[in-house]
Amino acid sequence: LSPDLTPLWLSEEVKTGTTIIAIEFDGGVVLGSDSRVSAGASVVNRVMNKLSPLHEKIYCALSGSAADAQTIAEIVNYQLDVHSIEIGEDPQVRSAATLVRNISYKYKEEMSAHLIVAGWDRRNGGQVYATLKGLLTHQPFAVGGSGSSYVYGFVDAEYHRGMSREESQQFVINTLSLAMNRDGSSGGVAYIVTIDEHGTEEQVILGNQLPTFFDQ
């Protein structure tokens, strides 16, 4: 195609746009994300799963450039498999987060991606880590992506320590629903992953099953 006939979205970087969230509860963690992927003003994928497994009980939530975020997740997934074989046991969540941090910092000028790492290990239980351009911080919950600016007030008001598994799942669903309603770069379905010592549970909440609020 000549430059004049090439659709604009083909020349734009594919970005997850997105709303991502992870929260600790007593015994594990819950991660969630929307599913919309955009290139410029065009939606190029409505149902991308932005919750990527790094190991059996460790996941990351992706935001920023889709290619960059997926590349980091795949590299860390490989490195954790090797690390697990070397130590003869499952890796710690902090080890996964540190690998993500190291790659993000090394390529901070070339890559544009923000990953939240969360999971469960037998030493420290459920953990959530925010990583950004070399930052690594352990938090009880973390929110990221373009939709996060619309829901910070909600999560600050509604979050409290000691939430149960079910309360945490509903908290994540409510947060995603609010962000998807207000942020033009977030939308589609909600992906939810719950991780504890017994394993991993994955859920997909369709758009018509998400909670509605006063202006919907």
Protein backbone atom coordinates (compact mmCIF):
# COMPACT_ATOMS: atom_id res chain seq x y z
CA LEU A 1 0.00 0.00 0.00
CA SER A 2 1.12 3.54 -0.71
CA PRO A 3 1.63 5.76 2.36
CA ASP A 4 -1.58 7.63 1.52
CA LEU A 5 -3.63 4.41 1.54
CA THR A 6 -2.12 2.81 4.64
CA PRO A 7 -4.58 2.80 7.58
CA LEU A 8 -3.37 5.06 10.38
CA TRP A 9 -3.50 2.26 12.98
CA LEU A 10 -0.88 0.26 11.03
CA SER A 11 1.66 3.01 11.71
CA GLU A 12 0.80 3.40 15.39
CA GLU A 13 2.44 1.43 18.22
CA VAL A 14 0.14 -1.23 19.66
CA LYS A 15 -0.52 -0.40 23.31
CA THR A 16 -2.50 -2.19 25.95
CA GLY A 17 -3.95 1.13 27.16
CA THR A 18 -5.50 -0.71 30.04
CA THR A 19 -6.42 -0.95 33.65
CA ILE A 20 -4.52 -3.48 35.76
CA ILE A 21 -4.79 -4.21 39.48
CA ALA A 22 -3.48 -6.68 42.05
CA ILE A 23 -4.36 -7.03 45.74
CA GLU A 24 -3.19 -9.17 48.63
CA PHE A 25 -5.60 -11.03 50.87
CA ASP A 26 -5.03 -13.34 53.80
CA GLY A 27 -3.60 -16.38 52.05
CA GLY A 28 -3.06 -15.17 48.50
CA VAL A 29 -3.51 -12.53 45.83
CA VAL A 30 -6.04 -11.48 43.19
CA LEU A 31 -4.99 -9.91 39.87
CA GLY A 32 -7.30 -8.32 37.32
CA SER A 33 -7.22 -6.52 34.00
CA ASP A 34 -9.44 -5.32 31.20
CA SER A 35 -8.90 -6.70 27.67
CA ARG A 36 -8.78 -3.76 25.22
CA VAL A 37 -5.70 -3.19 23.04
CA SER A 38 -5.40 -0.09 20.90
CA ALA A 39 -3.17 1.47 18.24
CA GLY A 40 -3.70 5.18 18.22
CA ALA A 41 -7.45 5.77 18.21
CA SER A 42 -8.23 2.28 16.87
CA VAL A 43 -9.10 -0.78 18.95
CA VAL A 44 -7.07 -3.68 17.48
CA ASN A 45 -7.96 -6.40 20.00
CA ARG A 46 -11.00 -6.51 22.27
CA VAL A 47 -10.19 -9.65 24.28
CA MET A 48 -6.45 -9.78 25.02
CA ASN A 49 -5.58 -11.47 28.30
CA LYS A 50 -3.12 -9.10 30.01
CA LEU A 51 -2.49 -11.44 32.96
CA SER A 52 0.58 -13.44 32.00
CA PRO A 53 1.95 -16.41 34.00
CA LEU A 54 5.59 -16.14 35.04
CA HIS A 55 5.54 -19.40 36.99
CA GLU A 56 2.98 -21.79 38.44
CA LYS A 57 1.88 -19.42 41.23
CA ILE A 58 3.31 -16.12 39.99
CA TYR A 59 1.59 -13.87 37.45
CA CYS A 60 2.15 -10.39 36.08
CA ALA A 61 -0.31 -7.80 34.80
CA LEU A 62 0.79 -6.01 31.62
CA SER A 63 0.44 -2.37 30.58
CA GLY A 64 2.19 -0.02 28.17
CA SER A 65 3.52 -1.22 24.82
CA ALA A 66 2.03 -4.67 24.17
CA ALA A 67 5.20 -5.95 22.47
CA ASP A 68 7.50 -4.67 25.23
CA ALA A 69 5.36 -6.01 28.08
CA GLN A 70 4.92 -9.44 26.49
CA THR A 71 8.65 -9.67 25.77
CA ILE A 72 9.56 -8.92 29.38
CA ALA A 73 7.04 -11.52 30.61
CA GLU A 74 8.40 -14.21 28.27
CA ILE A 75 12.02 -13.52 29.25
CA VAL A 76 11.21 -13.67 32.98
CA ASN A 77 9.13 -16.83 32.49
CA TYR A 78 12.16 -18.54 30.93
CA GLN A 79 14.59 -17.25 33.55
CA LEU A 80 12.32 -18.39 36.39
CA ASP A 81 12.07 -21.88 34.90
CA VAL A 82 15.88 -22.10 34.85
CA HIS A 83 16.13 -20.63 38.37
CA SER A 84 13.57 -23.12 39.67
CA ILE A 85 15.58 -26.04 38.30
CA GLU A 86 18.79 -24.65 39.82
CA ILE A 87 17.37 -24.26 43.34
CA GLY A 88 15.17 -27.36 43.22
CA GLU A 89 11.99 -25.59 44.34
CA ASP A 90 9.46 -23.01 43.20
CA PRO A 91 10.89 -19.47 42.95
CA GLN A 92 9.90 -16.67 45.30
CA VAL A 93 7.58 -13.92 44.12
CA ARG A 94 10.20 -11.29 44.95
CA SER A 95 12.69 -13.09 42.67
CA ALA A 96 10.26 -12.75 39.77
CA ALA A 97 9.63 -9.08 40.56
CA THR A 98 13.37 -8.42 40.76
CA LEU A 99 13.92 -9.96 37.32
CA VAL A 100 11.17 -7.75 35.89
CA ARG A 101 12.69 -4.71 37.60
CA ASN A 102 16.17 -5.47 36.26
CA ILE A 103 14.99 -5.82 32.66
CA SER A 104 12.80 -2.71 32.91
CA TYR A 105 15.72 -0.67 34.23
CA LYS A 106 18.29 -2.02 31.75
CA TYR A 107 16.08 -1.13 28.80
CA LYS A 108 14.29 1.87 30.27
CA GLU A 109 15.17 4.05 27.27
CA GLU A 110 14.10 1.46 24.67
CA MET A 111 11.02 -0.09 26.30
CA SER A 112 7.71 1.34 27.46
CA ALA A 113 6.02 -1.12 29.80
CA HIS A 114 4.75 -1.31 33.38
CA LEU A 115 4.24 -4.71 35.00
CA ILE A 116 2.64 -5.54 38.33
CA VAL A 117 3.97 -8.84 39.68
CA ALA A 118 1.90 -10.85 42.17
CA GLY A 119 1.80 -14.40 43.44
CA TRP A 120 2.19 -16.78 46.35
CA ASP A 121 5.23 -18.58 47.75
CA ARG A 122 5.71 -20.76 50.79
CA ARG A 123 8.05 -18.32 52.55
CA ASN A 124 6.07 -15.08 52.41
CA GLY A 125 2.59 -16.05 51.23
CA GLY A 126 0.72 -13.68 48.90
CA GLN A 127 2.66 -10.66 47.66
CA VAL A 128 2.15 -7.77 45.23
CA TYR A 129 5.06 -5.83 43.69
CA ALA A 130 4.96 -2.70 41.54
CA THR A 131 7.81 -2.38 39.02
CA LEU A 132 8.47 0.66 36.86
CA LYS A 133 11.73 1.80 35.23
CA GLY A 134 13.83 0.19 37.97
CA LEU A 135 11.38 0.74 40.83
CA LEU A 136 10.55 -2.27 43.01
CA THR A 137 8.13 -1.85 45.88
CA HIS A 138 6.04 -4.31 47.88
CA GLN A 139 2.49 -3.02 48.37
CA PRO A 140 -0.79 -4.44 49.73
CA PHE A 141 -2.36 -3.48 46.39
CA ALA A 142 -1.27 -1.84 43.15
CA VAL A 143 -3.15 -0.21 40.27
CA GLY A 144 -1.72 0.71 36.89
CA GLY A 145 -2.49 1.63 33.31
CA SER A 146 -4.38 4.51 31.75
CA GLY A 147 -7.57 3.66 33.64
CA SER A 148 -5.92 3.83 37.06
CA SER A 149 -6.23 7.62 37.30
CA TYR A 150 -10.02 7.26 37.23
CA VAL A 151 -10.22 4.84 40.17
CA TYR A 152 -7.56 5.93 42.69
CA GLY A 153 -10.22 7.64 44.80
CA PHE A 154 -12.37 4.51 44.74
CA VAL A 155 -9.59 2.10 45.74
CA ASP A 156 -8.32 4.43 48.49
CA ALA A 157 -11.82 4.66 49.95
CA GLU A 158 -12.84 1.01 49.58
CA TYR A 159 -9.63 -0.89 50.34
CA HIS A 160 -9.01 -2.17 53.84
CA ARG A 161 -6.60 -4.72 55.24
CA GLY A 162 -7.86 -8.17 56.13
CA MET A 163 -10.19 -8.57 53.16
CA SER A 164 -11.30 -12.13 52.40
CA ARG A 165 -10.74 -13.95 49.11
CA GLU A 166 -14.30 -13.19 47.95
CA GLU A 167 -14.12 -9.54 49.06
CA SER A 168 -10.83 -9.09 47.20
CA GLN A 169 -12.24 -10.60 44.03
CA GLN A 170 -15.27 -8.30 44.15
CA PHE A 171 -13.02 -5.30 44.90
CA VAL A 172 -10.99 -6.05 41.77
CA ILE A 173 -14.11 -6.54 39.63
CA ASN A 174 -15.67 -3.28 40.85
CA THR A 175 -12.46 -1.35 40.22
CA LEU A 176 -12.13 -2.69 36.68
CA SER A 177 -15.78 -1.99 35.90
CA LEU A 178 -15.47 1.64 37.01
CA ALA A 179 -12.27 2.17 35.02
CA MET A 180 -13.64 0.51 31.90
CA ASN A 181 -16.70 2.78 32.04
CA ARG A 182 -14.61 5.98 32.22
CA ASP A 183 -11.36 5.29 30.37
CA GLY A 184 -11.55 5.16 26.58
CA SER A 185 -8.47 2.93 26.41
CA SER A 186 -9.95 0.30 28.78
CA GLY A 187 -12.80 -2.01 27.91
CA GLY A 188 -13.87 -5.47 26.76
CA VAL A 189 -14.05 -8.22 29.37
CA ALA A 190 -12.42 -8.51 32.81
CA TYR A 191 -9.82 -11.19 33.42
CA ILE A 192 -9.35 -12.29 37.03
CA VAL A 193 -6.66 -14.59 38.47
CA THR A 194 -6.71 -15.73 42.11
CA ILE A 195 -3.59 -17.40 43.51
CA ASP A 196 -3.08 -19.14 46.87
CA GLU A 197 -1.19 -22.13 48.27
CA HIS A 198 -3.65 -24.53 46.62
CA GLY A 199 -3.16 -23.21 43.09
CA THR A 200 -4.47 -20.75 40.55
CA GLU A 201 -8.06 -19.92 39.59
CA GLU A 202 -8.79 -18.00 36.38
CA GLN A 203 -12.06 -16.22 35.59
CA VAL A 204 -13.45 -14.21 32.69
CA ILE A 205 -16.20 -11.70 33.49
CA LEU A 206 -18.08 -10.68 30.35
CA GLY A 207 -19.03 -7.05 29.84
CA ASN A 208 -22.74 -7.66 30.50
CA GLN A 209 -21.86 -9.44 33.75
CA LEU A 210 -19.83 -6.58 35.23
CA PRO A 211 -21.46 -4.53 38.00
CA THR A 212 -23.21 -1.35 36.93
CA PHE A 213 -23.08 2.01 38.69
CA PHE A 214 -25.29 5.06 38.84
CA ASP A 215 -24.29 6.56 35.48
CA GLN A 216 -24.50 3.31 33.55
